[in-house]
């Protein structure tokens, strides 16, 4: 069964962006792939488990910090009280996905509007 890792908050420090969860990260390996979940206004970073994939769900509530991490080219980690997992290729994958979402109605009007308002330069 696929595991869903929900991000409850985000913080930024000198080491990078930290996406906080209460769920276990044990046995997860980063894939370097990100997909969009337009219905739930989130990006999903895919992580591998022994038998399946886990979805690390990065919802719109933390996108402002994600934008700052992109702008500053920070490393991105998902963390809980005991574990930390660096999300490999996060910058490149998310930048590519944002480019694909821009003006693309296939992602849904709400997703496109929200991504453009947070991630794309104004003016």
PDB file of N, CA and C in Angstrom:
ATOM      1  N   UNK A   1       0.833  -1.185   0.000  1.00  0.00           N
ATOM      2  CA  UNK A   1       0.000   0.000   0.000  1.00  0.00           C
ATOM      3  C   UNK A   1       0.877   1.248   0.000  1.00  0.00           C
ATOM      4  N   UNK A   2       0.529   2.208  -0.837  1.00  0.00           N
ATOM      5  CA  UNK A   2       1.312   3.433  -0.955  1.00  0.00           C
ATOM      6  C   UNK A   2       1.208   4.263   0.317  1.00  0.00           C
ATOM      7  N   UNK A   3       2.330   4.766   0.753  1.00  0.00           N
ATOM      8  CA  UNK A   3       2.405   5.599   1.943  1.00  0.00           C
ATOM      9  C   UNK A   3       2.293   7.074   1.535  1.00  0.00           C
ATOM     10  N   UNK A   4       1.514   7.842   2.280  1.00  0.00           N
ATOM     11  CA  UNK A   4       1.418   9.285   2.081  1.00  0.00           C
ATOM     12  C   UNK A   4       2.085   9.987   3.249  1.00  0.00           C
ATOM     13  N   UNK A   5       3.033  10.849   2.944  1.00  0.00           N
ATOM     14  CA  UNK A   5       3.726  11.646   3.953  1.00  0.00           C
ATOM     15  C   UNK A   5       3.173  13.065   3.834  1.00  0.00           C
ATOM     16  N   UNK A   6       2.501  13.534   4.863  1.00  0.00           N
ATOM     17  CA  UNK A   6       1.898  14.864   4.843  1.00  0.00           C
ATOM     18  C   UNK A   6       2.821  15.863   5.534  1.00  0.00           C
ATOM     19  N   UNK A   7       3.057  16.969   4.866  1.00  0.00           N
ATOM     20  CA  UNK A   7       3.893  18.030   5.424  1.00  0.00           C
ATOM     21  C   UNK A   7       2.994  18.936   6.261  1.00  0.00           C
ATOM     22  N   UNK A   8       3.374  19.128   7.526  1.00  0.00           N
ATOM     23  CA  UNK A   8       2.538  19.933   8.420  1.00  0.00           C
ATOM     24  C   UNK A   8       3.020  21.378   8.543  1.00  0.00           C
ATOM     25  N   UNK A   9       4.318  21.602   8.293  1.00  0.00           N
ATOM     26  CA  UNK A   9       4.857  22.964   8.314  1.00  0.00           C
ATOM     27  C   UNK A   9       6.223  22.946   7.639  1.00  0.00           C
ATOM     28  N   UNK A  10       6.757  24.133   7.415  1.00  0.00           N
ATOM     29  CA  UNK A  10       8.080  24.254   6.819  1.00  0.00           C
ATOM     30  C   UNK A  10       8.893  25.294   7.578  1.00  0.00           C
ATOM     31  N   UNK A  11      10.206  25.106   7.588  1.00  0.00           N
ATOM     32  CA  UNK A  11      11.119  26.080   8.179  1.00  0.00           C
ATOM     33  C   UNK A  11      12.346  26.186   7.275  1.00  0.00           C
ATOM     34  N   UNK A  12      13.011  27.319   7.353  1.00  0.00           N
ATOM     35  CA  UNK A  12      14.227  27.541   6.580  1.00  0.00           C
ATOM     36  C   UNK A  12      15.327  27.964   7.542  1.00  0.00           C
ATOM     37  N   UNK A  13      16.509  27.373   7.379  1.00  0.00           N
ATOM     38  CA  UNK A  13      17.683  27.796   8.133  1.00  0.00           C
ATOM     39  C   UNK A  13      18.893  27.739   7.206  1.00  0.00           C
ATOM     40  N   UNK A  14      20.089  27.842   7.770  1.00  0.00           N
ATOM     41  CA  UNK A  14      21.299  27.877   6.944  1.00  0.00           C
ATOM     42  C   UNK A  14      21.544  26.565   6.188  1.00  0.00           C
ATOM     43  N   UNK A  15      20.944  25.471   6.638  1.00  0.00           N
ATOM     44  CA  UNK A  15      21.132  24.179   5.958  1.00  0.00           C
ATOM     45  C   UNK A  15      20.172  23.990   4.795  1.00  0.00           C
ATOM     46  N   UNK A  16      19.026  24.689   4.832  1.00  0.00           N
ATOM     47  CA  UNK A  16      18.079  24.560   3.744  1.00  0.00           C
ATOM     48  C   UNK A  16      16.631  24.655   4.201  1.00  0.00           C
ATOM     49  N   UNK A  17      15.741  24.167   3.330  1.00  0.00           N
ATOM     50  CA  UNK A  17      14.306  24.115   3.616  1.00  0.00           C
ATOM     51  C   UNK A  17      13.995  22.787   4.277  1.00  0.00           C
ATOM     52  N   UNK A  18      13.283  22.842   5.390  1.00  0.00           N
ATOM     53  CA  UNK A  18      12.896  21.646   6.130  1.00  0.00           C
ATOM     54  C   UNK A  18      11.382  21.515   6.081  1.00  0.00           C
ATOM     55  N   UNK A  19      10.923  20.433   5.478  1.00  0.00           N
ATOM     56  CA  UNK A  19       9.493  20.135   5.390  1.00  0.00           C
ATOM     57  C   UNK A  19       9.181  19.135   6.497  1.00  0.00           C
ATOM     58  N   UNK A  20       8.408  19.555   7.470  1.00  0.00           N
ATOM     59  CA  UNK A  20       8.181  18.765   8.679  1.00  0.00           C
ATOM     60  C   UNK A  20       6.961  17.848   8.540  1.00  0.00           C
ATOM     61  N   UNK A  21       7.144  16.614   9.023  1.00  0.00           N
ATOM     62  CA  UNK A  21       6.067  15.638   9.047  1.00  0.00           C
ATOM     63  C   UNK A  21       6.092  14.914  10.385  1.00  0.00           C
ATOM     64  N   UNK A  22       4.981  14.276  10.701  1.00  0.00           N
ATOM     65  CA  UNK A  22       4.929  13.435  11.899  1.00  0.00           C
ATOM     66  C   UNK A  22       5.062  11.962  11.530  1.00  0.00           C
ATOM     67  N   UNK A  23       5.086  11.669  10.231  1.00  0.00           N
ATOM     68  CA  UNK A  23       5.147  10.280   9.780  1.00  0.00           C
ATOM     69  C   UNK A  23       6.583   9.784   9.667  1.00  0.00           C
ATOM     70  N   UNK A  24       6.738   8.477   9.716  1.00  0.00           N
ATOM     71  CA  UNK A  24       8.048   7.849   9.633  1.00  0.00           C
ATOM     72  C   UNK A  24       8.628   7.987   8.234  1.00  0.00           C
ATOM     73  N   UNK A  25       9.931   8.169   8.172  1.00  0.00           N
ATOM     74  CA  UNK A  25      10.657   8.234   6.909  1.00  0.00           C
ATOM     75  C   UNK A  25      11.516   6.993   6.704  1.00  0.00           C
ATOM     76  N   UNK A  26      11.388   6.051   7.613  1.00  0.00           N
ATOM     77  CA  UNK A  26      12.209   4.850   7.581  1.00  0.00           C
ATOM     78  C   UNK A  26      12.013   4.082   6.271  1.00  0.00           C
ATOM     79  N   UNK A  27      13.123   3.729   5.654  1.00  0.00           N
ATOM     80  CA  UNK A  27      13.081   2.924   4.442  1.00  0.00           C
ATOM     81  C   UNK A  27      12.780   3.698   3.170  1.00  0.00           C
ATOM     82  N   UNK A  28      12.690   5.024   3.251  1.00  0.00           N
ATOM     83  CA  UNK A  28      12.405   5.824   2.061  1.00  0.00           C
ATOM     84  C   UNK A  28      13.696   6.224   1.355  1.00  0.00           C
ATOM     85  N   UNK A  29      13.655   6.200   0.031  1.00  0.00           N
ATOM     86  CA  UNK A  29      14.776   6.659  -0.784  1.00  0.00           C
ATOM     87  C   UNK A  29      14.250   7.667  -1.795  1.00  0.00           C
ATOM     88  N   UNK A  30      14.944   8.803  -1.962  1.00  0.00           N
ATOM     89  CA  UNK A  30      14.476   9.824  -2.901  1.00  0.00           C
ATOM     90  C   UNK A  30      14.581   9.342  -4.341  1.00  0.00           C
ATOM     91  N   UNK A  31      13.622   9.744  -5.180  1.00  0.00           N
ATOM     92  CA  UNK A  31      13.660   9.378  -6.596  1.00  0.00           C
ATOM     93  C   UNK A  31      14.075  10.542  -7.477  1.00  0.00           C
ATOM     94  N   UNK A  32      13.953  11.763  -6.969  1.00  0.00           N
ATOM     95  CA  UNK A  32      14.238  12.925  -7.791  1.00  0.00           C
ATOM     96  C   UNK A  32      13.098  13.274  -8.720  1.00  0.00           C
ATOM     97  N   UNK A  33      11.896  12.750  -8.463  1.00  0.00           N
ATOM     98  CA  UNK A  33      10.748  13.019  -9.309  1.00  0.00           C
ATOM     99  C   UNK A  33       9.658  13.742  -8.521  1.00  0.00           C
ATOM    100  N   UNK A  34       9.036  14.739  -9.179  1.00  0.00           N
ATOM    101  CA  UNK A  34       7.932  15.481  -8.584  1.00  0.00           C
ATOM    102  C   UNK A  34       6.793  15.517  -9.589  1.00  0.00           C
ATOM    103  N   UNK A  35       5.583  15.267  -9.093  1.00  0.00           N
ATOM    104  CA  UNK A  35       4.387  15.356  -9.918  1.00  0.00           C
ATOM    105  C   UNK A  35       3.420  16.343  -9.262  1.00  0.00           C
ATOM    106  N   UNK A  36       2.421  16.746 -10.025  1.00  0.00           N
ATOM    107  CA  UNK A  36       1.419  17.683  -9.499  1.00  0.00           C
ATOM    108  C   UNK A  36       0.146  16.936  -9.144  1.00  0.00           C
ATOM    109  N   UNK A  37      -0.482  17.364  -8.057  1.00  0.00           N
ATOM    110  CA  UNK A  37      -1.813  16.890  -7.672  1.00  0.00           C
ATOM    111  C   UNK A  37      -2.719  18.113  -7.704  1.00  0.00           C
ATOM    112  N   UNK A  38      -3.277  18.380  -8.874  1.00  0.00           N
ATOM    113  CA  UNK A  38      -4.092  19.586  -9.074  1.00  0.00           C
ATOM    114  C   UNK A  38      -5.330  19.594  -8.191  1.00  0.00           C
ATOM    115  N   UNK A  39      -5.928  18.435  -7.976  1.00  0.00           N
ATOM    116  CA  UNK A  39      -7.151  18.363  -7.179  1.00  0.00           C
ATOM    117  C   UNK A  39      -6.930  18.809  -5.739  1.00  0.00           C
ATOM    118  N   UNK A  40      -5.737  18.576  -5.215  1.00  0.00           N
ATOM    119  CA  UNK A  40      -5.437  18.904  -3.830  1.00  0.00           C
ATOM    120  C   UNK A  40      -4.431  20.042  -3.684  1.00  0.00           C
ATOM    121  N   UNK A  41      -4.202  20.789  -4.761  1.00  0.00           N
ATOM    122  CA  UNK A  41      -3.243  21.897  -4.755  1.00  0.00           C
ATOM    123  C   UNK A  41      -1.944  21.508  -4.059  1.00  0.00           C
ATOM    124  N   UNK A  42      -1.288  20.500  -4.599  1.00  0.00           N
ATOM    125  CA  UNK A  42      -0.028  20.089  -4.008  1.00  0.00           C
ATOM    126  C   UNK A  42       0.918  19.527  -5.047  1.00  0.00           C
ATOM    127  N   UNK A  43       2.180  19.578  -4.673  1.00  0.00           N
ATOM    128  CA  UNK A  43       3.216  18.873  -5.416  1.00  0.00           C
ATOM    129  C   UNK A  43       3.491  17.597  -4.648  1.00  0.00           C
ATOM    130  N   UNK A  44       3.825  16.539  -5.362  1.00  0.00           N
ATOM    131  CA  UNK A  44       4.123  15.265  -4.716  1.00  0.00           C
ATOM    132  C   UNK A  44       5.531  14.839  -5.120  1.00  0.00           C
ATOM    133  N   UNK A  45       6.397  14.789  -4.130  1.00  0.00           N
ATOM    134  CA  UNK A  45       7.739  14.259  -4.349  1.00  0.00           C
ATOM    135  C   UNK A  45       7.649  12.748  -4.152  1.00  0.00           C
ATOM    136  N   UNK A  46       8.111  12.000  -5.139  1.00  0.00           N
ATOM    137  CA  UNK A  46       8.046  10.543  -5.057  1.00  0.00           C
ATOM    138  C   UNK A  46       9.287   9.993  -4.374  1.00  0.00           C
ATOM    139  N   UNK A  47       9.057   9.119  -3.416  1.00  0.00           N
ATOM    140  CA  UNK A  47      10.143   8.408  -2.743  1.00  0.00           C
ATOM    141  C   UNK A  47       9.864   6.920  -2.891  1.00  0.00           C
ATOM    142  N   UNK A  48      10.917   6.145  -2.982  1.00  0.00           N
ATOM    143  CA  UNK A  48      10.765   4.701  -3.112  1.00  0.00           C
ATOM    144  C   UNK A  48      10.777   4.048  -1.746  1.00  0.00           C
ATOM    145  N   UNK A  49       9.969   3.019  -1.624  1.00  0.00           N
ATOM    146  CA  UNK A  49      10.040   2.132  -0.472  1.00  0.00           C
ATOM    147  C   UNK A  49      10.473   0.769  -1.004  1.00  0.00           C
ATOM    148  N   UNK A  50      10.598  -0.182  -0.155  1.00  0.00           N
ATOM    149  CA  UNK A  50      11.020  -1.520  -0.589  1.00  0.00           C
ATOM    150  C   UNK A  50      10.073  -2.092  -1.645  1.00  0.00           C
ATOM    151  N   UNK A  51       8.781  -1.877  -1.478  1.00  0.00           N
ATOM    152  CA  UNK A  51       7.795  -2.514  -2.353  1.00  0.00           C
ATOM    153  C   UNK A  51       6.973  -1.555  -3.211  1.00  0.00           C
ATOM    154  N   UNK A  52       7.093  -0.248  -2.983  1.00  0.00           N
ATOM    155  CA  UNK A  52       6.158   0.676  -3.631  1.00  0.00           C
ATOM    156  C   UNK A  52       6.769   2.074  -3.643  1.00  0.00           C
ATOM    157  N   UNK A  53       5.937   3.055  -3.895  1.00  0.00           N
ATOM    158  CA  UNK A  53       6.327   4.457  -3.808  1.00  0.00           C
ATOM    159  C   UNK A  53       5.624   5.089  -2.617  1.00  0.00           C
ATOM    160  N   UNK A  54       6.263   6.103  -2.072  1.00  0.00           N
ATOM    161  CA  UNK A  54       5.630   6.941  -1.057  1.00  0.00           C
ATOM    162  C   UNK A  54       5.445   8.317  -1.676  1.00  0.00           C
ATOM    163  N   UNK A  55       4.349   8.972  -1.336  1.00  0.00           N
ATOM    164  CA  UNK A  55       4.073  10.319  -1.809  1.00  0.00           C
ATOM    165  C   UNK A  55       4.341  11.308  -0.683  1.00  0.00           C
ATOM    166  N   UNK A  56       5.304  12.184  -0.894  1.00  0.00           N
ATOM    167  CA  UNK A  56       5.551  13.273   0.046  1.00  0.00           C
ATOM    168  C   UNK A  56       4.755  14.453  -0.476  1.00  0.00           C
ATOM    169  N   UNK A  57       3.681  14.780   0.222  1.00  0.00           N
ATOM    170  CA  UNK A  57       2.689  15.749  -0.255  1.00  0.00           C
ATOM    171  C   UNK A  57       3.043  17.159   0.225  1.00  0.00           C
ATOM    172  N   UNK A  58       3.396  18.027  -0.732  1.00  0.00           N
ATOM    173  CA  UNK A  58       3.816  19.390  -0.435  1.00  0.00           C
ATOM    174  C   UNK A  58       2.670  20.313  -0.846  1.00  0.00           C
ATOM    175  N   UNK A  59       1.849  20.654   0.131  1.00  0.00           N
ATOM    176  CA  UNK A  59       0.624  21.410  -0.129  1.00  0.00           C
ATOM    177  C   UNK A  59       0.901  22.908  -0.209  1.00  0.00           C
ATOM    178  N   UNK A  60      -0.058  23.629  -0.765  1.00  0.00           N
ATOM    179  CA  UNK A  60       0.071  25.061  -1.017  1.00  0.00           C
ATOM    180  C   UNK A  60       0.403  25.865   0.242  1.00  0.00           C
ATOM    181  N   UNK A  61       0.042  25.380   1.419  1.00  0.00           N
ATOM    182  CA  UNK A  61       0.291  26.145   2.646  1.00  0.00           C
ATOM    183  C   UNK A  61       1.780  26.378   2.904  1.00  0.00           C
ATOM    184  N   UNK A  62       2.676  25.588   2.294  1.00  0.00           N
ATOM    185  CA  UNK A  62       4.119  25.779   2.489  1.00  0.00           C
ATOM    186  C   UNK A  62       4.818  26.290   1.233  1.00  0.00           C
ATOM    187  N   UNK A  63       4.056  26.625   0.209  1.00  0.00           N
ATOM    188  CA  UNK A  63       4.660  27.032  -1.063  1.00  0.00           C
ATOM    189  C   UNK A  63       5.476  28.314  -0.969  1.00  0.00           C
ATOM    190  N   UNK A  64       5.139  29.232  -0.080  1.00  0.00           N
ATOM    191  CA  UNK A  64       5.947  30.450   0.037  1.00  0.00           C
ATOM    192  C   UNK A  64       7.382  30.113   0.450  1.00  0.00           C
ATOM    193  N   UNK A  65       7.540  29.189   1.395  1.00  0.00           N
ATOM    194  CA  UNK A  65       8.886  28.748   1.784  1.00  0.00           C
ATOM    195  C   UNK A  65       9.555  27.958   0.665  1.00  0.00           C
ATOM    196  N   UNK A  66       8.780  27.166  -0.059  1.00  0.00           N
ATOM    197  CA  UNK A  66       9.331  26.419  -1.194  1.00  0.00           C
ATOM    198  C   UNK A  66       9.855  27.402  -2.243  1.00  0.00           C
ATOM    199  N   UNK A  67       9.112  28.470  -2.506  1.00  0.00           N
ATOM    200  CA  UNK A  67       9.540  29.503  -3.458  1.00  0.00           C
ATOM    201  C   UNK A  67      10.847  30.128  -3.001  1.00  0.00           C
ATOM    202  N   UNK A  68      10.944  30.450  -1.721  1.00  0.00           N
ATOM    203  CA  UNK A  68      12.187  31.025  -1.193  1.00  0.00           C
ATOM    204  C   UNK A  68      13.347  30.060  -1.368  1.00  0.00           C
ATOM    205  N   UNK A  69      13.109  28.775  -1.117  1.00  0.00           N
ATOM    206  CA  UNK A  69      14.159  27.763  -1.288  1.00  0.00           C
ATOM    207  C   UNK A  69      14.597  27.668  -2.746  1.00  0.00           C
ATOM    208  N   UNK A  70      13.652  27.763  -3.674  1.00  0.00           N
ATOM    209  CA  UNK A  70      13.999  27.756  -5.100  1.00  0.00           C
ATOM    210  C   UNK A  70      14.841  28.978  -5.443  1.00  0.00           C
ATOM    211  N   UNK A  71      14.397  30.145  -4.994  1.00  0.00           N
ATOM    212  CA  UNK A  71      15.114  31.383  -5.300  1.00  0.00           C
ATOM    213  C   UNK A  71      16.535  31.383  -4.746  1.00  0.00           C
ATOM    214  N   UNK A  72      16.718  30.808  -3.567  1.00  0.00           N
ATOM    215  CA  UNK A  72      18.026  30.790  -2.910  1.00  0.00           C
ATOM    216  C   UNK A  72      18.817  29.520  -3.197  1.00  0.00           C
ATOM    217  N   UNK A  73      18.228  28.633  -4.018  1.00  0.00           N
ATOM    218  CA  UNK A  73      18.867  27.354  -4.384  1.00  0.00           C
ATOM    219  C   UNK A  73      19.284  26.552  -3.147  1.00  0.00           C
ATOM    220  N   UNK A  74      18.356  26.448  -2.192  1.00  0.00           N
ATOM    221  CA  UNK A  74      18.607  25.724  -0.950  1.00  0.00           C
ATOM    222  C   UNK A  74      18.354  24.230  -1.124  1.00  0.00           C
ATOM    223  N   UNK A  75      19.050  23.439  -0.329  1.00  0.00           N
ATOM    224  CA  UNK A  75      18.726  22.021  -0.242  1.00  0.00           C
ATOM    225  C   UNK A  75      17.374  21.878   0.427  1.00  0.00           C
ATOM    226  N   UNK A  76      16.668  20.795   0.096  1.00  0.00           N
ATOM    227  CA  UNK A  76      15.337  20.563   0.650  1.00  0.00           C
ATOM    228  C   UNK A  76      15.336  19.203   1.344  1.00  0.00           C
ATOM    229  N   UNK A  77      14.801  19.186   2.563  1.00  0.00           N
ATOM    230  CA  UNK A  77      14.747  17.978   3.376  1.00  0.00           C
ATOM    231  C   UNK A  77      13.324  17.772   3.886  1.00  0.00           C
ATOM    232  N   UNK A  78      12.919  16.517   4.004  1.00  0.00           N
ATOM    233  CA  UNK A  78      11.717  16.211   4.763  1.00  0.00           C
ATOM    234  C   UNK A  78      12.223  15.645   6.089  1.00  0.00           C
ATOM    235  N   UNK A  79      11.641  16.103   7.190  1.00  0.00           N
ATOM    236  CA  UNK A  79      12.158  15.755   8.511  1.00  0.00           C
ATOM    237  C   UNK A  79      11.025  15.415   9.469  1.00  0.00           C
ATOM    238  N   UNK A  80      11.359  14.569  10.443  1.00  0.00           N
ATOM    239  CA  UNK A  80      10.484  14.360  11.591  1.00  0.00           C
ATOM    240  C   UNK A  80      11.369  14.463  12.828  1.00  0.00           C
ATOM    241  N   UNK A  81      10.894  14.050  13.969  1.00  0.00           N
ATOM    242  CA  UNK A  81      11.676  14.204  15.196  1.00  0.00           C
ATOM    243  C   UNK A  81      12.990  13.428  15.171  1.00  0.00           C
ATOM    244  N   UNK A  82      13.038  12.305  14.438  1.00  0.00           N
ATOM    245  CA  UNK A  82      14.204  11.431  14.477  1.00  0.00           C
ATOM    246  C   UNK A  82      14.967  11.314  13.163  1.00  0.00           C
ATOM    247  N   UNK A  83      14.301  11.623  12.054  1.00  0.00           N
ATOM    248  CA  UNK A  83      14.884  11.318  10.750  1.00  0.00           C
ATOM    249  C   UNK A  83      14.875  12.528   9.830  1.00  0.00           C
ATOM    250  N   UNK A  84      15.754  12.466   8.825  1.00  0.00           N
ATOM    251  CA  UNK A  84      15.824  13.501   7.803  1.00  0.00           C
ATOM    252  C   UNK A  84      16.131  12.826   6.470  1.00  0.00           C
ATOM    253  N   UNK A  85      15.458  13.280   5.421  1.00  0.00           N
ATOM    254  CA  UNK A  85      15.664  12.728   4.086  1.00  0.00           C
ATOM    255  C   UNK A  85      15.854  13.890   3.126  1.00  0.00           C
ATOM    256  N   UNK A  86      17.037  13.952   2.482  1.00  0.00           N
ATOM    257  CA  UNK A  86      17.285  14.999   1.490  1.00  0.00           C
ATOM    258  C   UNK A  86      16.533  14.632   0.215  1.00  0.00           C
ATOM    259  N   UNK A  87      15.784  15.592  -0.313  1.00  0.00           N
ATOM    260  CA  UNK A  87      15.010  15.374  -1.532  1.00  0.00           C
ATOM    261  C   UNK A  87      15.887  15.734  -2.727  1.00  0.00           C
ATOM    262  N   UNK A  88      16.511  14.723  -3.289  1.00  0.00           N
ATOM    263  CA  UNK A  88      17.439  14.895  -4.412  1.00  0.00           C
ATOM    264  C   UNK A  88      16.727  15.489  -5.619  1.00  0.00           C
ATOM    265  N   UNK A  89      17.420  16.322  -6.366  1.00  0.00           N
ATOM    266  CA  UNK A  89      16.948  16.942  -7.614  1.00  0.00           C
ATOM    267  C   UNK A  89      15.685  17.778  -7.431  1.00  0.00           C
ATOM    268  N   UNK A  90      15.397  18.200  -6.224  1.00  0.00           N
ATOM    269  CA  UNK A  90      14.177  18.952  -5.941  1.00  0.00           C
ATOM    270  C   UNK A  90      14.110  20.232  -6.764  1.00  0.00           C
ATOM    271  N   UNK A  91      15.202  21.004  -6.751  1.00  0.00           N
ATOM    272  CA  UNK A  91      15.222  22.289  -7.453  1.00  0.00           C
ATOM    273  C   UNK A  91      14.910  22.133  -8.939  1.00  0.00           C
ATOM    274  N   UNK A  92      15.637  21.243  -9.595  1.00  0.00           N
ATOM    275  CA  UNK A  92      15.487  21.056 -11.032  1.00  0.00           C
ATOM    276  C   UNK A  92      14.094  20.535 -11.385  1.00  0.00           C
ATOM    277  N   UNK A  93      13.643  19.547 -10.652  1.00  0.00           N
ATOM    278  CA  UNK A  93      12.347  18.922 -10.956  1.00  0.00           C
ATOM    279  C   UNK A  93      11.177  19.885 -10.738  1.00  0.00           C
ATOM    280  N   UNK A  94      11.213  20.613  -9.624  1.00  0.00           N
ATOM    281  CA  UNK A  94      10.109  21.523  -9.354  1.00  0.00           C
ATOM    282  C   UNK A  94      10.122  22.694 -10.333  1.00  0.00           C
ATOM    283  N   UNK A  95      11.286  23.202 -10.667  1.00  0.00           N
ATOM    284  CA  UNK A  95      11.371  24.287 -11.646  1.00  0.00           C
ATOM    285  C   UNK A  95      10.796  23.846 -12.989  1.00  0.00           C
ATOM    286  N   UNK A  96      11.130  22.645 -13.407  1.00  0.00           N
ATOM    287  CA  UNK A  96      10.618  22.098 -14.663  1.00  0.00           C
ATOM    288  C   UNK A  96       9.092  21.954 -14.612  1.00  0.00           C
ATOM    289  N   UNK A  97       8.575  21.431 -13.495  1.00  0.00           N
ATOM    290  CA  UNK A  97       7.141  21.241 -13.343  1.00  0.00           C
ATOM    291  C   UNK A  97       6.406  22.589 -13.363  1.00  0.00           C
ATOM    292  N   UNK A  98       6.952  23.583 -12.689  1.00  0.00           N
ATOM    293  CA  UNK A  98       6.333  24.912 -12.666  1.00  0.00           C
ATOM    294  C   UNK A  98       6.254  25.483 -14.076  1.00  0.00           C
ATOM    295  N   UNK A  99       7.313  25.310 -14.860  1.00  0.00           N
ATOM    296  CA  UNK A  99       7.301  25.769 -16.257  1.00  0.00           C
ATOM    297  C   UNK A  99       6.181  25.094 -17.039  1.00  0.00           C
ATOM    298  N   UNK A 100       5.971  23.803 -16.791  1.00  0.00           N
ATOM    299  CA  UNK A 100       4.920  23.068 -17.492  1.00  0.00           C
ATOM    300  C   UNK A 100       3.517  23.491 -17.059  1.00  0.00           C
ATOM    301  N   UNK A 101       3.373  23.880 -15.808  1.00  0.00           N
ATOM    302  CA  UNK A 101       2.058  24.273 -15.287  1.00  0.00           C
ATOM    303  C   UNK A 101       1.659  25.660 -15.783  1.00  0.00           C
ATOM    304  N   UNK A 102       2.641  26.540 -15.951  1.00  0.00           N
ATOM    305  CA  UNK A 102       2.350  27.922 -16.346  1.00  0.00           C
ATOM    306  C   UNK A 102       1.468  27.971 -17.595  1.00  0.00           C
ATOM    307  N   UNK A 103       0.282  28.546 -17.435  1.00  0.00           N
ATOM    308  CA  UNK A 103      -0.642  28.731 -18.542  1.00  0.00           C
ATOM    309  C   UNK A 103      -1.233  27.454 -19.124  1.00  0.00           C
ATOM    310  N   UNK A 104      -1.038  26.331 -18.458  1.00  0.00           N
ATOM    311  CA  UNK A 104      -1.478  25.036 -18.982  1.00  0.00           C
ATOM    312  C   UNK A 104      -2.774  24.600 -18.309  1.00  0.00           C
ATOM    313  N   UNK A 105      -3.895  24.788 -19.002  1.00  0.00           N
ATOM    314  CA  UNK A 105      -5.207  24.466 -18.462  1.00  0.00           C
ATOM    315  C   UNK A 105      -5.402  23.005 -18.099  1.00  0.00           C
ATOM    316  N   UNK A 106      -4.539  22.128 -18.579  1.00  0.00           N
ATOM    317  CA  UNK A 106      -4.657  20.711 -18.232  1.00  0.00           C
ATOM    318  C   UNK A 106      -4.493  20.472 -16.731  1.00  0.00           C
ATOM    319  N   UNK A 107      -3.853  21.405 -16.047  1.00  0.00           N
ATOM    320  CA  UNK A 107      -3.657  21.273 -14.600  1.00  0.00           C
ATOM    321  C   UNK A 107      -4.826  21.838 -13.804  1.00  0.00           C
ATOM    322  N   UNK A 108      -5.774  22.455 -14.481  1.00  0.00           N
ATOM    323  CA  UNK A 108      -6.918  23.053 -13.802  1.00  0.00           C
ATOM    324  C   UNK A 108      -6.660  24.520 -13.501  1.00  0.00           C
ATOM    325  N   UNK A 109      -7.702  25.302 -13.631  1.00  0.00           N
ATOM    326  CA  UNK A 109      -7.586  26.749 -13.470  1.00  0.00           C
ATOM    327  C   UNK A 109      -7.066  27.156 -12.096  1.00  0.00           C
ATOM    328  N   UNK A 110      -7.545  26.494 -11.055  1.00  0.00           N
ATOM    329  CA  UNK A 110      -7.139  26.861  -9.694  1.00  0.00           C
ATOM    330  C   UNK A 110      -5.661  26.568  -9.470  1.00  0.00           C
ATOM    331  N   UNK A 111      -5.196  25.402  -9.910  1.00  0.00           N
ATOM    332  CA  UNK A 111      -3.783  25.035  -9.743  1.00  0.00           C
ATOM    333  C   UNK A 111      -2.895  25.995 -10.525  1.00  0.00           C
ATOM    334  N   UNK A 112      -3.240  26.259 -11.769  1.00  0.00           N
ATOM    335  CA  UNK A 112      -2.437  27.162 -12.598  1.00  0.00           C
ATOM    336  C   UNK A 112      -2.361  28.544 -11.954  1.00  0.00           C
ATOM    337  N   UNK A 113      -3.496  29.061 -11.525  1.00  0.00           N
ATOM    338  CA  UNK A 113      -3.545  30.386 -10.915  1.00  0.00           C
ATOM    339  C   UNK A 113      -2.694  30.446  -9.647  1.00  0.00           C
ATOM    340  N   UNK A 114      -2.809  29.442  -8.814  1.00  0.00           N
ATOM    341  CA  UNK A 114      -2.060  29.433  -7.544  1.00  0.00           C
ATOM    342  C   UNK A 114      -0.559  29.309  -7.783  1.00  0.00           C
ATOM    343  N   UNK A 115      -0.167  28.407  -8.691  1.00  0.00           N
ATOM    344  CA  UNK A 115       1.259  28.243  -9.000  1.00  0.00           C
ATOM    345  C   UNK A 115       1.822  29.538  -9.579  1.00  0.00           C
ATOM    346  N   UNK A 116       1.108  30.136 -10.508  1.00  0.00           N
ATOM    347  CA  UNK A 116       1.585  31.381 -11.112  1.00  0.00           C
ATOM    348  C   UNK A 116       1.703  32.494 -10.074  1.00  0.00           C
ATOM    349  N   UNK A 117       0.749  32.582  -9.160  1.00  0.00           N
ATOM    350  CA  UNK A 117       0.770  33.665  -8.168  1.00  0.00           C
ATOM    351  C   UNK A 117       1.910  33.495  -7.162  1.00  0.00           C
ATOM    352  N   UNK A 118       2.293  32.266  -6.855  1.00  0.00           N
ATOM    353  CA  UNK A 118       3.348  32.039  -5.868  1.00  0.00           C
ATOM    354  C   UNK A 118       4.731  31.983  -6.510  1.00  0.00           C
ATOM    355  N   UNK A 119       4.868  31.282  -7.623  1.00  0.00           N
ATOM    356  CA  UNK A 119       6.187  30.942  -8.139  1.00  0.00           C
ATOM    357  C   UNK A 119       6.697  31.804  -9.296  1.00  0.00           C
ATOM    358  N   UNK A 120       5.807  32.501  -9.984  1.00  0.00           N
ATOM    359  CA  UNK A 120       6.270  33.227 -11.166  1.00  0.00           C
ATOM    360  C   UNK A 120       6.420  34.708 -10.869  1.00  0.00           C
ATOM    361  N   UNK A 121       7.478  35.305 -11.407  1.00  0.00           N
ATOM    362  CA  UNK A 121       7.736  36.722 -11.120  1.00  0.00           C
ATOM    363  C   UNK A 121       6.589  37.610 -11.580  1.00  0.00           C
ATOM    364  N   UNK A 122       6.349  38.591 -10.790  1.00  0.00           N
ATOM    365  CA  UNK A 122       5.287  39.547 -11.127  1.00  0.00           C
ATOM    366  C   UNK A 122       5.888  40.696 -11.915  1.00  0.00           C
ATOM    367  N   UNK A 123       5.066  41.236 -12.800  1.00  0.00           N
ATOM    368  CA  UNK A 123       5.539  42.402 -13.515  1.00  0.00           C
ATOM    369  C   UNK A 123       5.770  42.119 -14.898  1.00  0.00           C
TER     370      UNK A 123
END
